[in-house]
Amino acid sequence: MPDAALRLATLLEQLMGSPLPVRLRAWDGSESGPPATPVLVVRNRRALRRLLFKPGELGLARAWVSGDLTVEGDLYTALDLLAGLAWEREDDARGIARRLRTPKARAAVRDLVKLAGLPLPPKPPAEEVRRRPSHLHTRRTDRRAISHHYDVGNDFYELVLGPSMVYSCAYWPSDGPEATLEQAQRDKLDLICRKLDLKPGQRLLDVGCGWGSMAIHAAREYGARVVGVTLSQEQAAYARKRVADEGLTDQVEIRVQDYRDVTDGPYDAVSSIGMAEHVGAARYLEYARDLYALLRPGGRLLNHQIARRPQADESAYRVDAFIDAYVFPDGELAPIGTTVTQLERAGFEVRDVESLREHYALTLRRWVANLEANWEEAQRLTSPGRARVWRLYMAASALSFERNRIGVNQVLAVKTPGCGDAGMPLRSRTWGAPAA
């Protein structure tokens, strides 16, 4: 069947109601579509079966992770061109059903079934989370979700993140592309320490401490005494070794502990960097109240968190199917306004909100470049499917930040005492002098 690409492109255009914006190559070597664009490669009929059995984003994700579907050419360009046909369309069952009501669309599906051939549905890739989605965020489900994402090997994360081992957006100077990732990550950690106004001997709780970078920076550069908590055993072991190598064991303690189980306050400051996305809408007020209770009067919280755009009907929000199944199980994003409201409901006075949206796009592109430059090693350290998950999720996320589909914000909040003295300077945006 030497014309599989033309047949497939025609059927997909009938279903989607618009031409394919990229070139298509089928398993028989045939091609169809506009020239001088990235090529979407359908390597076998199994890719079609995945899409038929799971229409929408999850079917596409399974085809990509399994290697049944791939892209030749610039991945960013391909994702940008395909955005209107993927995550910007209605991907839920009702939306797909509405598009299949026309006789022309139903006929196209029948032809697609013939082209795909239909034995049993293909098994999901091994990298897919095997569980019923739950957004109740119990200690057990949170521990399992964190383990899925972070316990994939510290060597793999070193390859992607680089020597800084910071897994959140860096803070780039105006000539961002000229700076190194390591310097931009150091500048981000320093910005947080200055926003928190850390002083020697003060107690800092780093919630979701990762591989210990924030804890080490705060102790080494600002003289803070730091407790870092994480649910990942691998992260904790790595962070403890780094702390020992830095000679900071008297200042930094790394615990495998849920933030809800921390009871040794009060702390002078709390940092939560890229952790609150795991908390969930149902638990967010509890999260904010727990951190508020752990602070002394006048203590500061720096909450660094990804945000989504608000929806006209917030009850219609659904977690991204690919992210939920392969990247951050049970992760949820909230609009920045919702986050600020919940912090205020917990008792905090919100003093500053800074958007770092463009900074995260630059950071993700650096991570993708690290991954692509070490592709064979990345597959060896994890699996080919896991490496494909990371490449797709980071590249797509970079575009989402660039196109303002999602953002990231640092919220500085204070446990202001009853007298009203928040301990903030009248002009705070300079945040003091950077550490030497």
Protein backbone atom coordinates (compact mmCIF):
# COMPACT_ATOMS: atom_id res chain seq x y z
CA MET A 1 0.00 0.00 0.00
CA PRO A 2 2.31 2.77 -1.25
CA ASP A 3 -0.16 5.62 -0.59
CA ALA A 4 -0.77 5.17 3.15
CA ALA A 5 0.38 8.72 3.96
CA LEU A 6 -2.04 10.36 1.51
CA ARG A 7 -4.93 8.21 2.71
CA LEU A 8 -4.11 8.89 6.34
CA ALA A 9 -3.68 12.64 5.82
CA THR A 10 -7.00 12.83 3.98
CA LEU A 11 -8.84 10.95 6.73
CA LEU A 12 -7.30 13.03 9.51
CA GLU A 13 -8.20 16.26 7.72
CA GLN A 14 -11.79 15.07 7.37
CA LEU A 15 -11.92 14.33 11.10
CA MET A 16 -10.27 17.55 12.21
CA GLY A 17 -11.86 19.85 9.69
CA SER A 18 -8.56 21.44 8.69
CA PRO A 19 -5.40 20.51 6.73
CA LEU A 20 -2.46 18.94 8.50
CA PRO A 21 0.09 21.71 9.14
CA VAL A 22 3.08 19.34 8.94
CA ARG A 23 4.26 16.75 6.49
CA LEU A 24 3.22 13.15 7.18
CA ARG A 25 5.26 10.02 6.51
CA ALA A 26 3.64 6.60 6.86
CA TRP A 27 5.08 3.16 7.63
CA ASP A 28 5.29 2.34 3.90
CA GLY A 29 7.63 5.27 3.22
CA SER A 30 5.00 7.39 1.48
CA GLU A 31 4.68 11.10 2.34
CA SER A 32 1.98 13.73 2.10
CA GLY A 33 1.57 17.33 3.19
CA PRO A 34 3.32 20.67 2.98
CA PRO A 35 7.07 20.63 2.19
CA ALA A 36 9.69 22.44 4.26
CA THR A 37 7.97 21.57 7.54
CA PRO A 38 8.82 19.03 10.24
CA VAL A 39 7.74 15.50 9.38
CA LEU A 40 5.31 13.59 11.59
CA VAL A 41 6.38 9.96 11.20
CA VAL A 42 3.74 7.27 11.73
CA ARG A 43 6.06 4.31 12.05
CA ASN A 44 3.44 1.54 12.07
CA ARG A 45 -0.27 0.82 12.10
CA ARG A 46 -0.14 0.36 15.86
CA ALA A 47 0.10 4.15 16.20
CA LEU A 48 -3.32 4.45 14.54
CA ARG A 49 -4.77 1.81 16.81
CA ARG A 50 -3.56 3.75 19.85
CA LEU A 51 -5.36 6.84 18.56
CA LEU A 52 -8.53 4.93 17.77
CA PHE A 53 -8.74 3.21 21.15
CA LYS A 54 -7.80 6.40 23.04
CA PRO A 55 -8.76 9.41 20.91
CA GLY A 56 -7.20 12.67 21.99
CA GLU A 57 -4.07 13.52 23.92
CA LEU A 58 -3.61 10.23 25.76
CA GLY A 59 -3.62 8.23 22.52
CA LEU A 60 -1.07 10.60 21.01
CA ALA A 61 1.06 10.35 24.14
CA ARG A 62 1.03 6.56 24.08
CA ALA A 63 2.06 6.54 20.42
CA TRP A 64 4.91 8.98 21.13
CA VAL A 65 6.22 7.26 24.27
CA SER A 66 6.16 3.84 22.64
CA GLY A 67 8.06 5.14 19.62
CA ASP A 68 5.21 4.39 17.22
CA LEU A 69 4.99 8.11 16.44
CA THR A 70 7.91 10.50 16.13
CA VAL A 71 9.00 13.79 14.59
CA GLU A 72 11.82 14.48 12.17
CA GLY A 73 13.00 18.07 12.15
CA ASP A 74 12.62 20.75 14.78
CA LEU A 75 10.41 19.47 17.60
CA TYR A 76 9.45 22.95 18.80
CA THR A 77 8.22 23.95 15.35
CA ALA A 78 6.26 20.71 15.00
CA LEU A 79 4.59 21.13 18.39
CA ASP A 80 3.77 24.76 17.66
CA LEU A 81 2.17 23.86 14.33
CA LEU A 82 0.25 20.96 15.85
CA ALA A 83 -0.89 22.87 18.93
CA GLY A 84 -4.25 23.80 17.47
CA LEU A 85 -4.91 20.14 16.66
CA ALA A 86 -3.85 18.82 20.06
CA TRP A 87 -4.00 20.60 23.43
CA GLU A 88 -5.85 23.70 22.20
CA ARG A 89 -8.80 21.64 20.92
CA GLU A 90 -11.50 19.91 22.91
CA ASP A 91 -9.84 16.63 23.79
CA ASP A 92 -12.41 15.30 26.22
CA ALA A 93 -14.84 12.56 25.25
CA ARG A 94 -17.75 14.95 24.75
CA GLY A 95 -15.73 17.19 22.44
CA ILE A 96 -14.57 14.25 20.35
CA ALA A 97 -18.11 12.87 20.22
CA ARG A 98 -19.43 16.18 18.92
CA ARG A 99 -16.89 16.17 16.11
CA LEU A 100 -17.93 12.64 15.11
CA ARG A 101 -21.62 13.36 14.66
CA THR A 102 -21.41 14.20 10.98
CA PRO A 103 -21.76 11.39 8.42
CA LYS A 104 -18.50 12.50 6.78
CA ALA A 105 -16.59 12.17 10.05
CA ARG A 106 -18.10 8.77 10.82
CA ALA A 107 -17.16 7.54 7.37
CA ALA A 108 -13.60 8.78 7.92
CA VAL A 109 -13.39 6.83 11.18
CA ARG A 110 -14.54 3.65 9.44
CA ASP A 111 -11.88 4.13 6.78
CA LEU A 112 -9.28 4.82 9.46
CA VAL A 113 -10.22 1.55 11.20
CA LYS A 114 -9.70 -0.31 7.93
CA LEU A 115 -6.33 1.36 7.43
CA ALA A 116 -5.19 0.60 10.98
CA GLY A 117 -6.38 -2.98 11.22
CA LEU A 118 -7.88 -3.84 14.58
CA PRO A 119 -6.52 -6.64 16.71
CA LEU A 120 -6.65 -6.15 20.47
CA PRO A 121 -5.88 -2.63 21.77
CA PRO A 122 -2.11 -2.10 22.17
CA LYS A 123 -0.87 -2.24 25.74
CA PRO A 124 0.03 1.15 27.22
CA PRO A 125 3.77 1.86 27.42
CA ALA A 126 5.49 0.67 30.59
CA GLU A 127 6.17 4.30 31.59
CA GLU A 128 2.47 5.07 32.05
CA VAL A 129 1.22 5.29 35.63
CA ARG A 130 -0.91 2.23 36.41
CA ARG A 131 -3.57 3.53 38.76
CA ARG A 132 -6.94 5.16 38.93
CA PRO A 133 -6.41 8.95 39.01
CA SER A 134 -6.96 10.36 42.49
CA HIS A 135 -6.74 14.01 43.41
CA LEU A 136 -7.47 13.55 47.12
CA HIS A 137 -3.74 13.94 47.88
CA THR A 138 -3.39 11.64 50.84
CA ARG A 139 0.07 11.05 52.24
CA ARG A 140 0.22 7.68 50.48
CA THR A 141 -0.89 8.91 47.05
CA ASP A 142 1.40 11.93 47.24
CA ARG A 143 4.35 9.72 48.18
CA ARG A 144 3.60 7.42 45.23
CA ALA A 145 3.24 10.33 42.81
CA ILE A 146 6.50 11.94 43.94
CA SER A 147 8.31 8.63 43.63
CA HIS A 148 7.06 8.16 40.05
CA HIS A 149 8.49 11.49 38.96
CA TYR A 150 11.64 11.91 41.02
CA ASP A 151 12.92 8.42 41.73
CA VAL A 152 14.05 7.75 38.15
CA GLY A 153 17.74 8.07 38.95
CA ASN A 154 19.87 10.96 40.13
CA ASP A 155 22.28 10.39 37.25
CA PHE A 156 19.49 11.11 34.79
CA TYR A 157 18.59 14.35 36.55
CA GLU A 158 22.25 15.40 36.61
CA LEU A 159 22.32 14.95 32.84
CA VAL A 160 19.20 17.09 32.28
CA LEU A 161 19.52 19.74 35.01
CA GLY A 162 23.27 20.18 34.96
CA PRO A 163 25.55 20.77 37.97
CA SER A 164 23.11 23.10 39.76
CA MET A 165 20.59 20.27 40.25
CA VAL A 166 17.76 22.79 40.52
CA TYR A 167 14.45 21.60 39.11
CA SER A 168 12.57 24.87 38.78
CA CYS A 169 12.93 27.87 36.52
CA ALA A 170 16.18 29.80 36.58
CA TYR A 171 16.41 33.60 36.87
CA TRP A 172 17.98 34.96 33.72
CA PRO A 173 19.60 38.36 33.14
CA SER A 174 18.42 40.59 30.30
CA ASP A 175 20.89 38.86 27.97
CA GLY A 176 19.50 35.51 29.12
CA PRO A 177 20.79 33.36 26.25
CA GLU A 178 24.35 34.47 27.01
CA ALA A 179 24.28 33.36 30.65
CA THR A 180 25.01 29.82 31.80
CA LEU A 181 22.23 27.71 33.26
CA GLU A 182 24.24 27.27 36.46
CA GLN A 183 24.63 31.02 36.98
CA ALA A 184 20.96 31.67 36.26
CA GLN A 185 19.95 29.00 38.79
CA ARG A 186 22.29 30.48 41.39
CA ASP A 187 20.74 33.90 40.77
CA LYS A 188 17.27 32.40 41.33
CA LEU A 189 18.26 30.86 44.66
CA ASP A 190 19.86 34.12 45.67
CA LEU A 191 16.75 36.09 44.72
CA ILE A 192 14.66 33.85 46.98
CA CYS A 193 17.07 34.24 49.89
CA ARG A 194 16.98 38.02 49.51
CA LYS A 195 13.18 38.09 49.29
CA LEU A 196 13.08 36.07 52.50
CA ASP A 197 15.63 38.49 54.03
CA LEU A 198 17.61 35.59 55.48
CA LYS A 199 20.09 36.38 58.23
CA PRO A 200 22.80 34.25 59.88
CA GLY A 201 21.34 31.84 62.42
CA GLN A 202 17.75 32.12 61.18
CA ARG A 203 15.73 28.93 60.64
CA LEU A 204 14.55 28.17 57.10
CA LEU A 205 12.17 25.34 56.17
CA ASP A 206 12.61 24.31 52.52
CA VAL A 207 9.45 22.41 51.55
CA GLY A 208 10.07 20.00 48.69
CA CYS A 209 13.83 20.50 48.95
CA GLY A 210 14.76 18.41 45.92
CA TRP A 211 18.46 17.65 45.73
CA GLY A 212 19.32 20.24 48.38
CA SER A 213 20.40 23.19 46.24
CA MET A 214 18.29 25.82 48.01
CA ALA A 215 19.19 24.50 51.46
CA ILE A 216 22.90 24.53 50.66
CA HIS A 217 22.79 28.01 49.13
CA ALA A 218 20.89 29.49 52.08
CA ALA A 219 23.28 27.91 54.60
CA ARG A 220 26.51 28.62 52.75
CA GLU A 221 25.78 32.16 51.49
CA TYR A 222 23.45 33.49 54.21
CA GLY A 223 24.37 31.50 57.30
CA ALA A 224 20.84 30.10 57.74
CA ARG A 225 20.03 26.91 59.61
CA VAL A 226 17.95 24.86 57.19
CA VAL A 227 15.58 21.91 57.36
CA GLY A 228 14.76 20.48 53.94
CA VAL A 229 11.92 17.98 53.48
CA THR A 230 11.19 15.74 50.53
CA LEU A 231 9.16 12.58 49.92
CA SER A 232 11.81 11.16 47.58
CA GLN A 233 14.32 8.75 49.10
CA GLU A 234 16.69 9.22 46.15
CA GLN A 235 16.61 13.00 46.43
CA ALA A 236 17.24 12.88 50.16
CA ALA A 237 20.25 10.58 49.83
CA TYR A 238 21.74 12.79 47.13
CA ALA A 239 21.09 16.00 49.09
CA ARG A 240 22.63 14.62 52.28
CA LYS A 241 25.80 13.71 50.43
CA ARG A 242 26.02 17.21 48.93
CA VAL A 243 25.50 18.77 52.35
CA ALA A 244 28.29 16.62 53.81
CA ASP A 245 30.62 17.42 50.90
CA GLU A 246 30.01 21.14 51.53
CA GLY A 247 30.80 20.73 55.24
CA LEU A 248 27.34 21.99 56.21
CA THR A 249 25.99 19.10 58.27
CA ASP A 250 25.80 21.34 61.35
CA GLN A 251 23.56 23.80 59.47
CA VAL A 252 21.45 21.65 57.12
CA GLU A 253 19.19 18.72 57.90
CA ILE A 254 17.52 16.80 55.08
CA ARG A 255 14.47 14.74 56.01
CA VAL A 256 12.25 12.29 54.16
CA GLN A 257 9.07 13.79 55.54
CA ASP A 258 5.67 15.09 54.44
CA TYR A 259 5.32 18.83 55.03
CA ARG A 260 2.12 18.05 56.96
CA ASP A 261 4.20 16.16 59.51
CA VAL A 262 6.65 18.97 60.28
CA THR A 263 6.01 20.06 63.89
CA ASP A 264 9.25 21.69 65.04
CA GLY A 265 8.41 25.33 64.31
CA PRO A 266 8.58 28.18 64.57
CA TYR A 267 10.70 28.98 61.52
CA ASP A 268 11.86 32.42 60.46
CA ALA A 269 11.18 31.66 56.79
CA VAL A 270 9.71 29.01 54.51
CA SER A 271 10.63 28.40 50.87
CA SER A 272 8.41 26.27 48.64
CA ILE A 273 9.93 26.10 45.17
CA GLY A 274 8.09 24.09 42.52
CA MET A 275 6.37 21.97 45.16
CA ALA A 276 2.88 23.48 45.51
CA GLU A 277 1.84 22.07 42.10
CA HIS A 278 1.74 18.67 43.83
CA VAL A 279 -0.52 19.85 46.67
CA GLY A 280 -3.83 19.81 44.79
CA ALA A 281 -6.83 22.11 44.92
CA ALA A 282 -8.54 20.09 47.64
CA ARG A 283 -5.54 20.44 49.97
CA TYR A 284 -4.24 23.89 49.12
CA LEU A 285 -5.83 25.78 52.00
CA GLU A 286 -4.54 23.11 54.38
CA TYR A 287 -1.08 23.52 52.86
CA ALA A 288 -1.18 27.29 53.33
CA ARG A 289 -2.42 27.00 56.90
CA ASP A 290 0.25 24.44 57.78
CA LEU A 291 3.01 26.73 56.54
CA TYR A 292 1.45 29.72 58.28
CA ALA A 293 1.42 27.81 61.58
CA LEU A 294 5.10 26.88 61.19
CA LEU A 295 6.24 30.51 60.89
CA ARG A 296 6.98 32.91 63.71
CA PRO A 297 5.09 36.23 63.70
CA GLY A 298 6.74 38.35 61.01
CA GLY A 299 8.11 35.26 59.23
CA ARG A 300 8.08 35.11 55.44
CA LEU A 301 6.95 32.54 52.88
CA LEU A 302 8.30 32.45 49.34
CA ASN A 303 5.96 30.32 47.21
CA HIS A 304 7.32 29.63 43.71
CA GLN A 305 4.60 27.92 41.67
CA ILE A 306 3.44 27.24 38.11
CA ALA A 307 0.03 28.72 37.28
CA ARG A 308 -2.52 28.14 34.53
CA ARG A 309 -4.83 30.60 32.89
CA PRO A 310 -8.26 30.92 34.57
CA GLN A 311 -11.27 29.37 32.85
CA ALA A 312 -14.73 30.85 32.42
CA ASP A 313 -16.07 27.73 34.13
CA GLU A 314 -13.50 26.58 36.68
CA SER A 315 -15.45 23.40 37.34
CA ALA A 316 -14.59 22.31 33.79
CA TYR A 317 -10.84 22.24 34.53
CA ARG A 318 -9.25 18.87 33.85
CA VAL A 319 -5.70 17.78 34.52
CA ASP A 320 -3.68 17.36 31.33
CA ALA A 321 -3.95 13.69 30.31
CA PHE A 322 -0.32 13.28 29.20
CA ILE A 323 1.11 15.05 32.25
CA ASP A 324 -1.11 13.06 34.62
CA ALA A 325 -0.28 9.69 33.08
CA TYR A 326 3.43 10.12 32.43
CA VAL A 327 4.94 13.12 34.23
CA PHE A 328 3.27 14.48 37.40
CA PRO A 329 0.54 12.07 38.57
CA ASP A 330 -2.18 13.98 40.42
CA GLY A 331 -0.49 17.31 39.77
CA GLU A 332 -2.87 20.27 39.51
CA LEU A 333 -2.37 23.86 38.40
CA ALA A 334 -4.33 26.84 39.68
CA PRO A 335 -4.59 30.43 38.46
CA ILE A 336 -2.36 32.86 40.34
CA GLY A 337 -5.42 34.67 41.70
CA THR A 338 -6.62 31.46 43.33
CA THR A 339 -3.22 30.88 44.93
CA VAL A 340 -3.10 34.40 46.36
CA THR A 341 -6.65 34.07 47.68
CA GLN A 342 -5.88 30.79 49.46
CA LEU A 343 -2.73 32.21 51.04
CA GLU A 344 -4.73 35.18 52.29
CA ARG A 345 -7.48 32.92 53.63
CA ALA A 346 -4.79 31.09 55.62
CA GLY A 347 -3.83 34.37 57.29
CA PHE A 348 -0.89 35.53 55.16
CA GLU A 349 -0.42 39.08 53.95
CA VAL A 350 0.69 38.85 50.31
CA ARG A 351 3.36 41.49 49.74
CA ASP A 352 4.74 40.75 46.29
CA VAL A 353 3.91 38.72 43.18
CA GLU A 354 6.52 38.40 40.42
CA SER A 355 5.96 36.56 37.16
CA LEU A 356 8.91 34.59 35.78
CA ARG A 357 7.06 33.11 32.79
CA GLU A 358 9.70 33.88 30.15
CA HIS A 359 12.43 32.67 32.51
CA TYR A 360 10.92 29.20 32.61
CA ALA A 361 10.75 28.97 28.83
CA LEU A 362 14.47 29.72 28.61
CA THR A 363 15.22 27.19 31.35
CA LEU A 364 13.24 24.41 29.68
CA ARG A 365 15.00 24.96 26.37
CA ARG A 366 18.33 24.53 28.15
CA TRP A 367 17.12 21.30 29.76
CA VAL A 368 15.93 19.98 26.40
CA ALA A 369 19.30 20.84 24.87
CA ASN A 370 21.05 18.93 27.68
CA LEU A 371 18.81 15.92 27.09
CA GLU A 372 19.23 15.92 23.32
CA ALA A 373 23.01 16.32 23.57
CA ASN A 374 23.15 13.20 25.77
CA TRP A 375 20.32 11.23 24.19
CA GLU A 376 21.89 7.78 24.15
CA GLU A 377 23.05 8.11 27.76
CA ALA A 378 19.60 9.34 28.83
CA GLN A 379 17.96 6.24 27.35
CA ARG A 380 20.52 4.00 29.05
CA LEU A 381 19.98 5.63 32.44
CA THR A 382 16.19 5.29 32.32
CA SER A 383 14.48 3.82 29.27
CA PRO A 384 13.85 4.96 25.68
CA GLY A 385 10.22 5.62 26.60
CA ARG A 386 11.10 7.70 29.66
CA ALA A 387 13.56 9.78 27.66
CA ARG A 388 10.84 10.43 25.07
CA VAL A 389 8.44 11.46 27.85
CA TRP A 390 10.89 14.04 29.12
CA ARG A 391 11.75 15.41 25.70
CA LEU A 392 8.11 15.88 24.77
CA TYR A 393 6.98 17.29 28.10
CA MET A 394 9.83 19.79 28.42
CA ALA A 395 9.62 21.00 24.82
CA ALA A 396 5.84 21.35 24.95
CA SER A 397 6.09 23.11 28.32
CA ALA A 398 8.62 25.60 26.92
CA LEU A 399 6.15 26.52 24.19
CA SER A 400 3.31 26.76 26.72
CA PHE A 401 5.28 29.30 28.74
CA GLU A 402 6.29 31.22 25.62
CA ARG A 403 2.69 31.37 24.35
CA ASN A 404 1.28 32.38 27.78
CA ARG A 405 -0.75 29.20 28.17
CA ILE A 406 0.86 28.73 31.59
CA GLY A 407 3.01 30.92 33.82
CA VAL A 408 5.12 30.75 36.95
CA ASN A 409 5.09 33.17 39.86
CA GLN A 410 6.96 33.93 43.03
CA VAL A 411 4.57 35.02 45.78
CA LEU A 412 6.12 36.61 48.87
CA ALA A 413 3.79 36.45 51.86
CA VAL A 414 4.25 37.48 55.49
CA LYS A 415 2.74 36.20 58.72
CA THR A 416 2.06 39.78 59.74
CA PRO A 417 1.51 40.17 63.50
CA GLY A 418 -1.48 41.92 65.00
CA CYS A 419 0.40 45.20 65.36
CA GLY A 420 0.61 45.37 61.56
CA ASP A 421 4.41 45.56 61.35
CA ALA A 422 5.31 43.23 58.48
CA GLY A 423 9.01 44.04 58.73
CA MET A 424 9.10 45.04 55.06
CA PRO A 425 11.05 48.05 53.72
CA LEU A 426 8.98 50.79 52.09
CA ARG A 427 10.67 50.04 48.78
CA SER A 428 11.19 46.31 48.62
CA ARG A 429 11.72 45.46 44.97
CA THR A 430 15.51 45.83 45.17
CA TRP A 431 15.50 42.96 47.70
CA GLY A 432 18.79 44.09 49.22
CA ALA A 433 22.21 43.42 47.76
CA PRO A 434 23.01 40.05 46.15
CA ALA A 435 25.33 37.68 47.96
CA ALA A 436 28.98 38.09 46.96
